[in-house]
């Protein structure tokens, strides 16, 4: 079974559509929604959603904290992270999960760089820089370290002992996998970056750089 972890924060306009899109995918799955103390009415919508497991943070902690909460509650063999906006299409799930289901690998990343997508220029350049730095530091060959679509064997993901609370969860996951010499298989995905409502800023980029260096130095 696939555990779809959806961290949510102030996604009133998108949450119903993304949950419906995930439900429509013909794959054995559970949907784990973690609301990170939304204040825009998202919680009221979540209360009405059926056939999902919903967990609520009583204070805003960040995307990483929501992912860690979801991971602790997940029960599937495989875990995938799904952002609550509509940038990534859940229709990619079966293709991304297949290599793990067939024991070819334990980790699959959906690469926007290998696929087709529409990026904000600033996001594109930041991702290229962070991916390059990660590859240099950890002898990797990735094209898209920051992708949301990280599909990982749940037991392996638990072994990473994740600690990040904000967006630095992305480099933490990748750096720890590469440090363990886990092979990451990349597959192309489609992507449609939204033009407004982005929550990642220059501070998060600097934090990501620091975390890449930190996990390189960490024993």
Protein backbone atom coordinates (compact mmCIF):
# COMPACT_ATOMS: atom_id res chain seq x y z
CA UNK A 1 0.00 0.00 0.00
CA UNK A 2 1.06 3.58 -0.71
CA UNK A 3 0.86 6.21 2.04
CA UNK A 4 0.27 9.66 0.54
CA UNK A 5 1.40 12.29 3.05
CA UNK A 6 -0.09 15.72 2.34
CA UNK A 7 1.24 18.58 4.50
CA UNK A 8 -1.33 21.39 4.49
CA UNK A 9 -1.13 25.06 5.41
CA UNK A 10 -3.71 27.64 4.30
CA UNK A 11 -4.81 25.77 1.16
CA UNK A 12 -8.56 26.49 1.29
CA UNK A 13 -8.76 27.04 -2.47
CA UNK A 14 -6.86 23.86 -3.40
CA UNK A 15 -7.35 21.19 -0.74
CA UNK A 16 -10.63 19.75 -2.04
CA UNK A 17 -9.25 19.43 -5.58
CA UNK A 18 -5.95 17.84 -4.59
CA UNK A 19 -7.63 15.28 -2.31
CA UNK A 20 -10.07 14.41 -5.11
CA UNK A 21 -7.17 14.04 -7.55
CA UNK A 22 -5.33 11.68 -5.18
CA UNK A 23 -8.48 9.65 -4.54
CA UNK A 24 -9.00 9.24 -8.30
CA UNK A 25 -5.68 7.46 -8.77
CA UNK A 26 -6.28 3.72 -9.18
CA UNK A 27 -3.73 2.47 -6.67
CA UNK A 28 -3.96 0.88 -3.22
CA UNK A 29 -3.38 3.82 -0.89
CA UNK A 30 -4.11 5.71 2.29
CA UNK A 31 -4.25 9.51 2.42
CA UNK A 32 -2.65 11.14 5.45
CA UNK A 33 -3.45 14.84 5.76
CA UNK A 34 -1.50 16.94 8.27
CA UNK A 35 -2.77 20.48 8.78
CA UNK A 36 -0.06 22.78 10.11
CA UNK A 37 -2.43 25.11 12.00
CA UNK A 38 -4.14 26.73 9.00
CA UNK A 39 -6.03 29.97 9.69
CA UNK A 40 -7.91 30.46 6.39
CA UNK A 41 -10.74 27.95 6.83
CA UNK A 42 -8.80 24.92 5.57
CA UNK A 43 -9.46 23.04 8.81
CA UNK A 44 -13.22 23.39 8.42
CA UNK A 45 -12.94 21.84 4.97
CA UNK A 46 -10.78 18.98 6.28
CA UNK A 47 -13.42 18.15 8.86
CA UNK A 48 -15.81 17.32 6.02
CA UNK A 49 -13.41 15.19 3.96
CA UNK A 50 -14.11 11.46 4.14
CA UNK A 51 -11.89 8.38 3.72
CA UNK A 52 -8.74 10.22 4.79
CA UNK A 53 -6.72 10.26 7.99
CA UNK A 54 -6.46 13.83 9.27
CA UNK A 55 -4.02 15.11 11.89
CA UNK A 56 -3.93 18.67 13.23
CA UNK A 57 -1.02 20.71 14.54
CA UNK A 58 -2.07 23.09 17.33
CA UNK A 59 0.64 25.56 16.30
CA UNK A 60 2.36 26.26 13.01
CA UNK A 61 5.61 24.30 12.83
CA UNK A 62 6.48 24.06 9.13
CA UNK A 63 6.32 21.62 6.22
CA UNK A 64 9.02 19.37 7.62
CA UNK A 65 7.19 18.96 10.91
CA UNK A 66 3.98 18.10 9.05
CA UNK A 67 5.83 15.47 6.99
CA UNK A 68 7.32 13.96 10.15
CA UNK A 69 3.88 13.79 11.75
CA UNK A 70 2.49 12.11 8.65
CA UNK A 71 5.37 9.66 8.47
CA UNK A 72 4.86 8.64 12.10
CA UNK A 73 1.22 7.84 11.31
CA UNK A 74 1.71 6.20 7.89
CA UNK A 75 1.21 2.45 7.55
CA UNK A 76 1.93 1.75 3.88
CA UNK A 77 4.96 -0.05 2.48
CA UNK A 78 5.81 3.02 0.41
CA UNK A 79 5.53 6.73 1.23
CA UNK A 80 5.11 9.65 -1.16
CA UNK A 81 4.93 13.34 -0.28
CA UNK A 82 2.21 15.32 -2.07
CA UNK A 83 2.05 19.10 -1.77
CA UNK A 84 -1.45 20.45 -1.14
CA UNK A 85 -1.31 22.82 -4.12
CA UNK A 86 -1.84 21.70 -7.71
CA UNK A 87 1.75 21.88 -8.99
CA UNK A 88 2.26 18.11 -9.09
CA UNK A 89 -0.16 15.61 -10.65
CA UNK A 90 -1.06 12.49 -8.63
CA UNK A 91 -1.60 10.69 -11.93
CA UNK A 92 2.17 10.09 -11.80
CA UNK A 93 1.85 7.83 -8.72
CA UNK A 94 1.58 4.38 -10.38
CA UNK A 95 4.63 4.97 -12.58
CA UNK A 96 6.71 6.32 -9.68
CA UNK A 97 5.76 3.52 -7.31
CA UNK A 98 6.31 0.65 -9.76
CA UNK A 99 10.15 0.40 -9.45
CA UNK A 100 9.86 0.08 -5.65
CA UNK A 101 6.99 -2.39 -5.85
CA UNK A 102 9.09 -4.57 -8.14
CA UNK A 103 12.13 -4.34 -5.81
CA UNK A 104 14.28 -2.56 -8.41
CA UNK A 105 15.05 0.25 -5.96
CA UNK A 106 13.93 1.68 -2.62
CA UNK A 107 13.79 5.33 -3.68
CA UNK A 108 12.31 7.11 -6.69
CA UNK A 109 12.41 10.87 -7.27
CA UNK A 110 10.06 12.49 -9.76
CA UNK A 111 12.33 14.87 -11.66
CA UNK A 112 10.84 18.06 -13.08
CA UNK A 113 14.11 18.67 -14.92
CA UNK A 114 13.83 15.40 -16.83
CA UNK A 115 10.14 15.97 -17.55
CA UNK A 116 8.09 18.88 -18.78
CA UNK A 117 7.11 21.75 -16.55
CA UNK A 118 6.70 25.44 -15.99
CA UNK A 119 9.00 26.98 -13.38
CA UNK A 120 9.31 30.43 -11.91
CA UNK A 121 12.77 31.54 -13.03
CA UNK A 122 13.91 32.15 -9.44
CA UNK A 123 12.75 28.68 -8.36
CA UNK A 124 14.43 27.05 -11.35
CA UNK A 125 17.80 28.69 -10.65
CA UNK A 126 17.61 28.01 -6.91
CA UNK A 127 16.85 24.35 -7.52
CA UNK A 128 19.72 24.00 -10.00
CA UNK A 129 22.12 25.53 -7.47
CA UNK A 130 20.96 23.39 -4.55
CA UNK A 131 21.02 20.22 -6.64
CA UNK A 132 24.52 20.99 -7.90
CA UNK A 133 25.78 21.63 -4.37
CA UNK A 134 24.22 18.38 -3.15
CA UNK A 135 25.81 16.41 -5.98
CA UNK A 136 29.23 17.92 -5.27
CA UNK A 137 29.01 17.34 -1.52
CA UNK A 138 27.64 13.79 -1.68
CA UNK A 139 28.93 12.52 -5.03
CA UNK A 140 25.39 12.37 -6.42
CA UNK A 141 24.01 12.49 -9.94
CA UNK A 142 20.60 14.00 -9.29
CA UNK A 143 18.81 16.50 -11.52
CA UNK A 144 16.11 17.63 -9.06
CA UNK A 145 16.96 17.45 -5.36
CA UNK A 146 14.10 19.76 -4.33
CA UNK A 147 11.30 17.77 -5.96
CA UNK A 148 8.27 17.18 -3.78
CA UNK A 149 7.77 13.73 -5.32
CA UNK A 150 10.11 11.70 -3.18
CA UNK A 151 8.84 8.10 -3.18
CA UNK A 152 10.55 6.05 -0.50
CA UNK A 153 10.25 2.67 1.19
CA UNK A 154 8.63 3.59 4.53
CA UNK A 155 11.01 1.57 6.69
CA UNK A 156 13.99 3.22 5.00
CA UNK A 157 12.46 6.67 5.47
CA UNK A 158 11.94 6.01 9.17
CA UNK A 159 15.62 5.02 9.43
CA UNK A 160 16.59 8.53 8.31
CA UNK A 161 15.46 9.92 11.70
CA UNK A 162 14.31 13.20 10.17
CA UNK A 163 14.50 16.30 12.37
CA UNK A 164 13.82 19.29 10.10
CA UNK A 165 10.69 21.37 10.64
CA UNK A 166 10.59 23.67 7.62
CA UNK A 167 11.53 23.43 3.95
CA UNK A 168 15.01 22.17 4.84
CA UNK A 169 13.37 18.76 5.11
CA UNK A 170 14.05 18.37 1.36
CA UNK A 171 17.86 18.55 1.55
CA UNK A 172 17.84 16.54 4.78
CA UNK A 173 16.06 13.61 3.14
CA UNK A 174 18.33 13.65 0.08
CA UNK A 175 21.59 14.19 1.95
CA UNK A 176 20.86 11.37 4.37
CA UNK A 177 19.92 8.98 1.57
CA UNK A 178 23.11 9.77 -0.37
CA UNK A 179 25.19 9.52 2.78
CA UNK A 180 23.79 6.01 3.30
CA UNK A 181 24.75 5.29 -0.34
CA UNK A 182 21.15 4.56 -1.26
CA UNK A 183 20.53 4.55 -5.00
CA UNK A 184 17.99 7.18 -6.02
CA UNK A 185 16.17 6.45 -9.28
CA UNK A 186 14.86 9.53 -11.10
CA UNK A 187 11.87 9.47 -13.44
CA UNK A 188 10.51 12.42 -15.44
CA UNK A 189 7.31 14.09 -14.24
CA UNK A 190 5.13 16.97 -15.36
CA UNK A 191 5.03 20.14 -13.28
CA UNK A 192 3.11 23.41 -13.24
CA UNK A 193 4.60 25.95 -10.84
CA UNK A 194 2.01 28.33 -9.50
CA UNK A 195 2.58 32.05 -9.87
CA UNK A 196 1.30 33.17 -6.51
CA UNK A 197 1.12 31.95 -2.96
CA UNK A 198 4.66 30.53 -2.89
CA UNK A 199 5.95 30.14 0.65
CA UNK A 200 9.66 29.63 -0.14
CA UNK A 201 11.90 32.68 0.00
CA UNK A 202 15.61 33.62 0.00
CA UNK A 203 15.87 32.73 3.70
CA UNK A 204 14.72 29.18 2.95
CA UNK A 205 17.30 28.91 0.16
CA UNK A 206 20.09 29.97 2.51
CA UNK A 207 18.78 27.55 5.12
CA UNK A 208 18.87 24.75 2.53
CA UNK A 209 22.50 25.54 1.66
CA UNK A 210 23.45 25.52 5.33
CA UNK A 211 21.68 22.19 5.82
CA UNK A 212 23.48 20.56 2.89
CA UNK A 213 26.78 21.59 4.46
CA UNK A 214 25.59 20.55 7.93
CA UNK A 215 24.57 17.04 6.85
CA UNK A 216 27.89 16.64 5.04
CA UNK A 217 29.74 17.43 8.27
CA UNK A 218 27.39 15.44 10.51
CA UNK A 219 28.70 12.04 11.61
